[in-house]
Amino acid sequence: MTVLVNGVPATSVSALDRGLQFGEGVFETIACLGGQPRFLPLHLERLEFGCERLGIPAPNLDEIQAEVLGLVCDGERAIVKVMVTGGEAVARGYARSGNETATRITIRYPWPHEDPAQLHDGVMARTLSMRLGENPRLAGLKHCNRLEQILARAELAADAQLAEGILFSSSGNLVCGTMSNVFLVRESCLLTPRIDQCGVAGVMRRVVLREARQVGIPARECELRAENLQAADEIFLTNARIGIWPVRALDGRALTPGPVTRHLQSVLEPLLNA
C-alpha cells in the first residue's frame, strides 16, 4: 500500500482535518489495469462535482490524474482511492472560516483476490434491515461519511457466502447495495433505482446505462420497491472494480444470469480489460 497526502508520501493527516472531524469530503475508488485507470475522466468529473456540491475548493484534476498514473505505472493491477477533504480546520465548529485548504489523499491498494465464478455463476445476496436516510442535497455523492454502509455491512458478517446486501431507503424505495448499484431486468427492460434521494451514482452504473442504450437495450432509472425486486427476471450488481456481478440467489430465491446480463457483460468486457 502506498499513501500520498497532498502529493507527499505520508501515513497520517492532521487531527484537525475536517474530513476526520466531520466526514467532510468525497472520494473515488478507481480500478487500474495495465497501468491504465478505468474510466478516469468519469471519476474526476464526479470528484469535482462532489467538491462543488459540498463547497470544498475545486481540486487540481491534472495533479490528481498525474498522481494516479504515477502510482500504477508499474502496470500491475491495483485499486487507487482518491479523497479530497475540507482540509485542516482553523477554528472550532462546523462553520468554515473560508481560509481552509483542501486535503488530497491518494492511496494505492493491491488488487483483492477475486473468485472468477462470481462473474460467471453469480453471487448470493440478501436484503438488509438497515435503511438509508434520504437527503437530496447529498444524493449521488460519494461522500466520506459511510456510517450507514458500515452498519449495513455488519449485517452480512454472520454469513460468508453472502457477497452483498441490498438496501432500501427510509421511505421503502430500493436504492443500492452496500458497495454497489443494483440493476433489475423485467421483460427484457433494464431498470435501476433513481438516485435522487440517497445513494451513490456509481461510475459503473453510468457506464452500464450508456452502453445498454447504445446496443438497444431499453433502460430506465425509476422508483423501485420490494415487489419490483421480487418480480425481477434478472438482477445484477455493479461497481468500479467488479464490473457486473450477476445475482444467483437473493433472500434464498434462486436466479439465473439471463440474456440481458450476459449481453451487457460481453459489451463491457473490452472496456474493463482495455
Protein backbone atom coordinates (compact mmCIF):
# COMPACT_ATOMS: atom_id res chain seq x y z
CA MET A 1 0.00 0.00 0.00
CA THR A 2 1.26 3.47 -0.93
CA VAL A 3 -0.15 6.68 0.55
CA LEU A 4 0.31 10.26 -0.65
CA VAL A 5 -1.01 13.27 1.27
CA ASN A 6 -1.03 16.38 -0.89
CA GLY A 7 1.39 14.62 -3.21
CA VAL A 8 3.92 13.69 -0.50
CA PRO A 9 4.44 10.16 0.90
CA ALA A 10 2.80 10.06 4.34
CA THR A 11 0.69 7.83 6.54
CA SER A 12 -1.25 10.43 8.55
CA VAL A 13 -3.27 13.63 8.32
CA SER A 14 -3.88 16.38 10.86
CA ALA A 15 -6.21 15.56 13.75
CA LEU A 16 -7.91 18.85 12.85
CA ASP A 17 -8.78 17.76 9.30
CA ARG A 18 -12.46 18.36 8.60
CA GLY A 19 -12.66 15.03 6.80
CA LEU A 20 -11.72 13.29 10.06
CA GLN A 21 -13.75 15.55 12.34
CA PHE A 22 -16.94 15.78 10.30
CA GLY A 23 -16.70 13.42 7.33
CA GLU A 24 -16.48 16.48 5.08
CA GLY A 25 -15.05 15.12 1.87
CA VAL A 26 -15.58 12.99 -1.20
CA PHE A 27 -13.69 10.06 -2.66
CA GLU A 28 -13.29 7.89 -5.73
CA THR A 29 -12.27 4.24 -5.97
CA ILE A 30 -10.53 3.63 -9.28
CA ALA A 31 -9.74 0.21 -10.75
CA CYS A 32 -6.40 0.19 -12.60
CA LEU A 33 -5.19 -2.50 -15.02
CA GLY A 34 -2.02 -2.48 -17.08
CA GLY A 35 -1.13 0.99 -15.85
CA GLN A 36 -4.46 2.40 -17.06
CA PRO A 37 -7.13 3.67 -14.66
CA ARG A 38 -10.60 2.62 -15.80
CA PHE A 39 -12.92 5.49 -16.69
CA LEU A 40 -10.62 8.06 -15.07
CA PRO A 41 -12.33 11.08 -16.71
CA LEU A 42 -15.69 9.98 -15.26
CA HIS A 43 -14.17 9.57 -11.79
CA LEU A 44 -12.55 13.00 -11.95
CA GLU A 45 -15.80 14.56 -13.15
CA ARG A 46 -17.72 13.08 -10.22
CA LEU A 47 -14.99 14.09 -7.76
CA GLU A 48 -15.13 17.68 -8.97
CA PHE A 49 -18.94 17.69 -8.81
CA GLY A 50 -18.90 16.35 -5.26
CA CYS A 51 -16.45 19.03 -4.11
CA GLU A 52 -18.61 21.70 -5.70
CA ARG A 53 -21.76 20.37 -4.02
CA LEU A 54 -20.05 20.34 -0.59
CA GLY A 55 -18.37 23.70 -1.05
CA ILE A 56 -14.85 22.27 -0.95
CA PRO A 57 -12.37 24.21 -3.13
CA ALA A 58 -12.10 22.56 -6.54
CA PRO A 59 -9.21 20.08 -6.70
CA ASN A 60 -6.48 20.31 -9.32
CA LEU A 61 -7.60 17.47 -11.57
CA ASP A 62 -4.32 17.46 -13.51
CA GLU A 63 -2.42 16.83 -10.27
CA ILE A 64 -4.77 14.04 -9.30
CA GLN A 65 -4.51 12.41 -12.71
CA ALA A 66 -0.70 12.56 -12.57
CA GLU A 67 -0.68 11.03 -9.09
CA VAL A 68 -2.99 8.17 -10.08
CA LEU A 69 -0.96 7.41 -13.21
CA GLY A 70 2.28 7.58 -11.24
CA LEU A 71 1.02 5.11 -8.65
CA VAL A 72 0.13 2.49 -11.28
CA CYS A 73 2.96 2.98 -13.79
CA ASP A 74 4.36 -0.49 -12.98
CA GLY A 75 1.42 -2.00 -14.87
CA GLU A 76 0.25 -4.21 -12.00
CA ARG A 77 -3.45 -4.41 -11.22
CA ALA A 78 -4.29 -2.05 -8.37
CA ILE A 79 -7.05 -0.07 -6.74
CA VAL A 80 -6.42 3.65 -6.25
CA LYS A 81 -8.54 5.64 -3.82
CA VAL A 82 -8.56 9.43 -4.11
CA MET A 83 -10.03 11.50 -1.27
CA VAL A 84 -10.47 15.25 -1.11
CA THR A 85 -11.48 16.64 2.30
CA GLY A 86 -12.38 20.07 3.58
CA GLY A 87 -8.85 20.42 4.93
CA GLU A 88 -7.45 21.36 8.33
CA ALA A 89 -9.92 23.30 10.47
CA VAL A 90 -8.60 26.69 11.53
CA ALA A 91 -11.40 27.26 14.05
CA ARG A 92 -13.63 25.09 16.20
CA GLY A 93 -17.15 24.26 14.99
CA TYR A 94 -18.98 23.20 11.85
CA ALA A 95 -18.76 26.54 10.07
CA ARG A 96 -15.88 27.10 7.68
CA SER A 97 -13.72 30.16 8.17
CA GLY A 98 -13.02 30.42 4.45
CA ASN A 99 -9.28 30.02 5.00
CA GLU A 100 -9.16 26.23 4.87
CA THR A 101 -7.10 24.44 2.24
CA ALA A 102 -8.46 21.13 0.95
CA THR A 103 -6.53 17.96 1.76
CA ARG A 104 -5.84 15.46 -1.03
CA ILE A 105 -5.14 11.83 -0.12
CA THR A 106 -4.24 9.25 -2.76
CA ILE A 107 -3.83 5.59 -1.79
CA ARG A 108 -2.78 2.61 -3.88
CA TYR A 109 -4.07 -0.76 -2.68
CA PRO A 110 -3.23 -4.19 -4.09
CA TRP A 111 -5.99 -5.74 -6.20
CA PRO A 112 -8.06 -8.00 -3.93
CA HIS A 113 -8.45 -11.70 -4.52
CA GLU A 114 -11.32 -12.48 -6.87
CA ASP A 115 -13.30 -15.64 -7.49
CA PRO A 116 -13.92 -15.93 -11.27
CA ALA A 117 -17.10 -17.87 -10.51
CA GLN A 118 -18.69 -14.68 -9.17
CA LEU A 119 -18.58 -13.12 -12.63
CA HIS A 120 -19.90 -16.23 -14.39
CA ASP A 121 -22.16 -18.05 -11.95
CA GLY A 122 -23.15 -15.02 -9.89
CA VAL A 123 -23.23 -14.11 -6.20
CA MET A 124 -25.57 -14.58 -3.27
CA ALA A 125 -27.17 -11.51 -1.68
CA ARG A 126 -29.92 -10.61 0.73
CA THR A 127 -31.98 -7.58 1.62
CA LEU A 128 -30.94 -5.81 4.81
CA SER A 129 -32.92 -4.27 7.69
CA MET A 130 -30.77 -1.12 7.66
CA ARG A 131 -32.49 1.81 5.93
CA LEU A 132 -30.72 4.68 4.20
CA GLY A 133 -31.70 8.19 5.22
CA GLU A 134 -33.00 10.43 2.44
CA ASN A 135 -31.30 13.75 1.72
CA PRO A 136 -31.46 15.11 -1.84
CA ARG A 137 -28.54 17.50 -1.18
CA LEU A 138 -26.24 14.51 -0.67
CA ALA A 139 -27.89 12.09 -3.12
CA GLY A 140 -25.50 10.76 -5.74
CA LEU A 141 -22.34 11.91 -3.95
CA LYS A 142 -19.62 9.51 -2.87
CA HIS A 143 -19.00 11.44 0.32
CA CYS A 144 -16.76 10.37 3.17
CA ASN A 145 -19.49 9.65 5.70
CA ARG A 146 -20.04 5.91 5.28
CA LEU A 147 -21.59 5.08 8.66
CA GLU A 148 -24.74 3.72 7.07
CA GLN A 149 -22.71 1.35 4.90
CA ILE A 150 -20.64 0.21 7.88
CA LEU A 151 -23.77 -0.66 9.85
CA ALA A 152 -25.32 -2.33 6.81
CA ARG A 153 -22.22 -4.38 6.07
CA ALA A 154 -22.21 -5.67 9.65
CA GLU A 155 -25.50 -7.47 8.90
CA LEU A 156 -23.62 -9.72 6.46
CA ALA A 157 -20.85 -10.71 8.87
CA ALA A 158 -22.53 -13.92 10.02
CA ASP A 159 -22.71 -15.50 6.55
CA ALA A 160 -19.52 -15.64 4.49
CA GLN A 161 -21.46 -16.87 1.45
CA LEU A 162 -23.23 -13.53 1.07
CA ALA A 163 -21.31 -11.21 -1.23
CA GLU A 164 -23.61 -8.21 -0.90
CA GLY A 165 -26.59 -6.75 0.91
CA ILE A 166 -29.41 -4.79 -0.73
CA LEU A 167 -30.59 -1.55 0.85
CA PHE A 168 -33.85 0.38 0.81
CA SER A 169 -34.42 3.98 1.83
CA SER A 170 -36.34 5.17 4.87
CA SER A 171 -39.44 5.53 2.65
CA GLY A 172 -39.12 1.99 1.29
CA ASN A 173 -37.56 2.64 -2.10
CA LEU A 174 -34.91 0.30 -3.45
CA VAL A 175 -31.57 2.16 -3.56
CA CYS A 176 -28.36 0.10 -3.87
CA GLY A 177 -26.07 -2.47 -2.33
CA THR A 178 -23.63 -1.69 0.48
CA MET A 179 -20.87 -1.22 -2.11
CA SER A 180 -22.70 -1.48 -5.41
CA ASN A 181 -25.51 -0.23 -7.60
CA VAL A 182 -28.44 -2.52 -8.37
CA PHE A 183 -30.00 -3.35 -11.75
CA LEU A 184 -33.14 -5.38 -12.43
CA VAL A 185 -34.32 -6.89 -15.68
CA ARG A 186 -38.05 -7.24 -16.21
CA GLU A 187 -39.43 -8.40 -19.57
CA SER A 188 -36.08 -7.55 -21.23
CA CYS A 189 -36.13 -3.97 -19.91
CA LEU A 190 -33.25 -2.78 -17.72
CA LEU A 191 -34.29 -0.94 -14.55
CA THR A 192 -32.21 0.77 -11.89
CA PRO A 193 -33.25 2.89 -8.89
CA ARG A 194 -33.24 6.66 -9.22
CA ILE A 195 -30.50 8.24 -7.12
CA ASP A 196 -32.32 11.47 -6.31
CA GLN A 197 -32.99 10.99 -2.58
CA CYS A 198 -30.00 8.96 -1.40
CA GLY A 199 -27.34 6.54 -2.63
CA VAL A 200 -24.24 6.88 -4.81
CA ALA A 201 -24.43 7.49 -8.55
CA GLY A 202 -21.75 4.97 -9.44
CA VAL A 203 -19.39 5.37 -12.37
CA MET A 204 -20.03 1.78 -13.48
CA ARG A 205 -23.77 2.39 -13.18
CA ARG A 206 -23.36 5.32 -15.56
CA VAL A 207 -21.33 3.22 -17.99
CA VAL A 208 -23.85 0.35 -17.94
CA LEU A 209 -26.76 2.69 -18.67
CA ARG A 210 -24.82 4.32 -21.51
CA GLU A 211 -23.76 1.03 -23.09
CA ALA A 212 -27.21 -0.54 -22.70
CA ARG A 213 -28.81 2.30 -24.63
CA GLN A 214 -26.15 2.15 -27.32
CA VAL A 215 -26.84 -1.54 -28.00
CA GLY A 216 -30.61 -1.07 -27.98
CA ILE A 217 -31.50 -2.43 -24.54
CA PRO A 218 -34.35 -0.35 -23.07
CA ALA A 219 -33.06 1.18 -19.83
CA ARG A 220 -34.85 3.31 -17.23
CA GLU A 221 -33.99 4.98 -13.94
CA CYS A 222 -37.15 4.81 -11.86
CA GLU A 223 -38.69 4.36 -8.43
CA LEU A 224 -38.49 0.70 -7.43
CA ARG A 225 -39.90 -1.10 -4.41
CA ALA A 226 -39.52 -4.53 -2.78
CA GLU A 227 -42.16 -6.01 -5.08
CA ASN A 228 -40.13 -4.96 -8.14
CA LEU A 229 -37.08 -6.70 -6.74
CA GLN A 230 -39.09 -9.86 -6.09
CA ALA A 231 -40.58 -9.83 -9.60
CA ALA A 232 -37.27 -9.30 -11.42
CA ASP A 233 -36.30 -11.85 -14.07
CA GLU A 234 -32.61 -10.98 -13.63
CA ILE A 235 -30.66 -8.98 -11.05
CA PHE A 236 -27.08 -7.79 -11.22
CA LEU A 237 -24.78 -5.52 -9.23
CA THR A 238 -22.12 -3.08 -10.41
CA ASN A 239 -19.18 -1.13 -9.09
CA ALA A 240 -15.89 0.23 -10.38
CA ARG A 241 -13.91 -2.93 -9.55
CA ILE A 242 -16.30 -5.81 -10.17
CA GLY A 243 -17.92 -4.56 -13.35
CA ILE A 244 -21.07 -6.71 -13.37
CA TRP A 245 -21.88 -9.36 -10.78
CA PRO A 246 -24.95 -11.45 -11.67
CA VAL A 247 -27.06 -12.33 -8.62
CA ARG A 248 -27.75 -16.06 -8.44
CA ALA A 249 -29.69 -16.00 -5.19
CA LEU A 250 -31.50 -13.25 -3.30
CA ASP A 251 -33.10 -13.94 0.07
CA GLY A 252 -32.99 -17.64 -0.79
CA ARG A 253 -34.73 -17.22 -4.18
CA ALA A 254 -32.69 -18.80 -6.96
CA LEU A 255 -31.96 -16.64 -10.01
CA THR A 256 -30.18 -17.35 -13.27
CA PRO A 257 -27.87 -14.90 -15.02
CA GLY A 258 -30.06 -14.14 -18.01
CA PRO A 259 -29.60 -12.91 -21.58
CA VAL A 260 -29.59 -9.17 -20.77
CA THR A 261 -27.00 -9.61 -18.04
CA ARG A 262 -24.83 -11.78 -20.29
CA HIS A 263 -25.15 -9.35 -23.20
CA LEU A 264 -24.05 -6.43 -21.05
CA GLN A 265 -21.15 -8.42 -19.61
CA SER A 266 -19.93 -9.10 -23.15
CA VAL A 267 -20.37 -5.43 -24.11
CA LEU A 268 -18.42 -4.24 -21.08
CA GLU A 269 -15.63 -6.83 -21.29
CA PRO A 270 -13.43 -4.87 -23.73
CA LEU A 271 -13.97 -1.67 -21.74
CA LEU A 272 -12.98 -3.31 -18.48
CA ASN A 273 -9.91 -5.11 -19.84
CA ALA A 274 -8.60 -2.47 -22.24
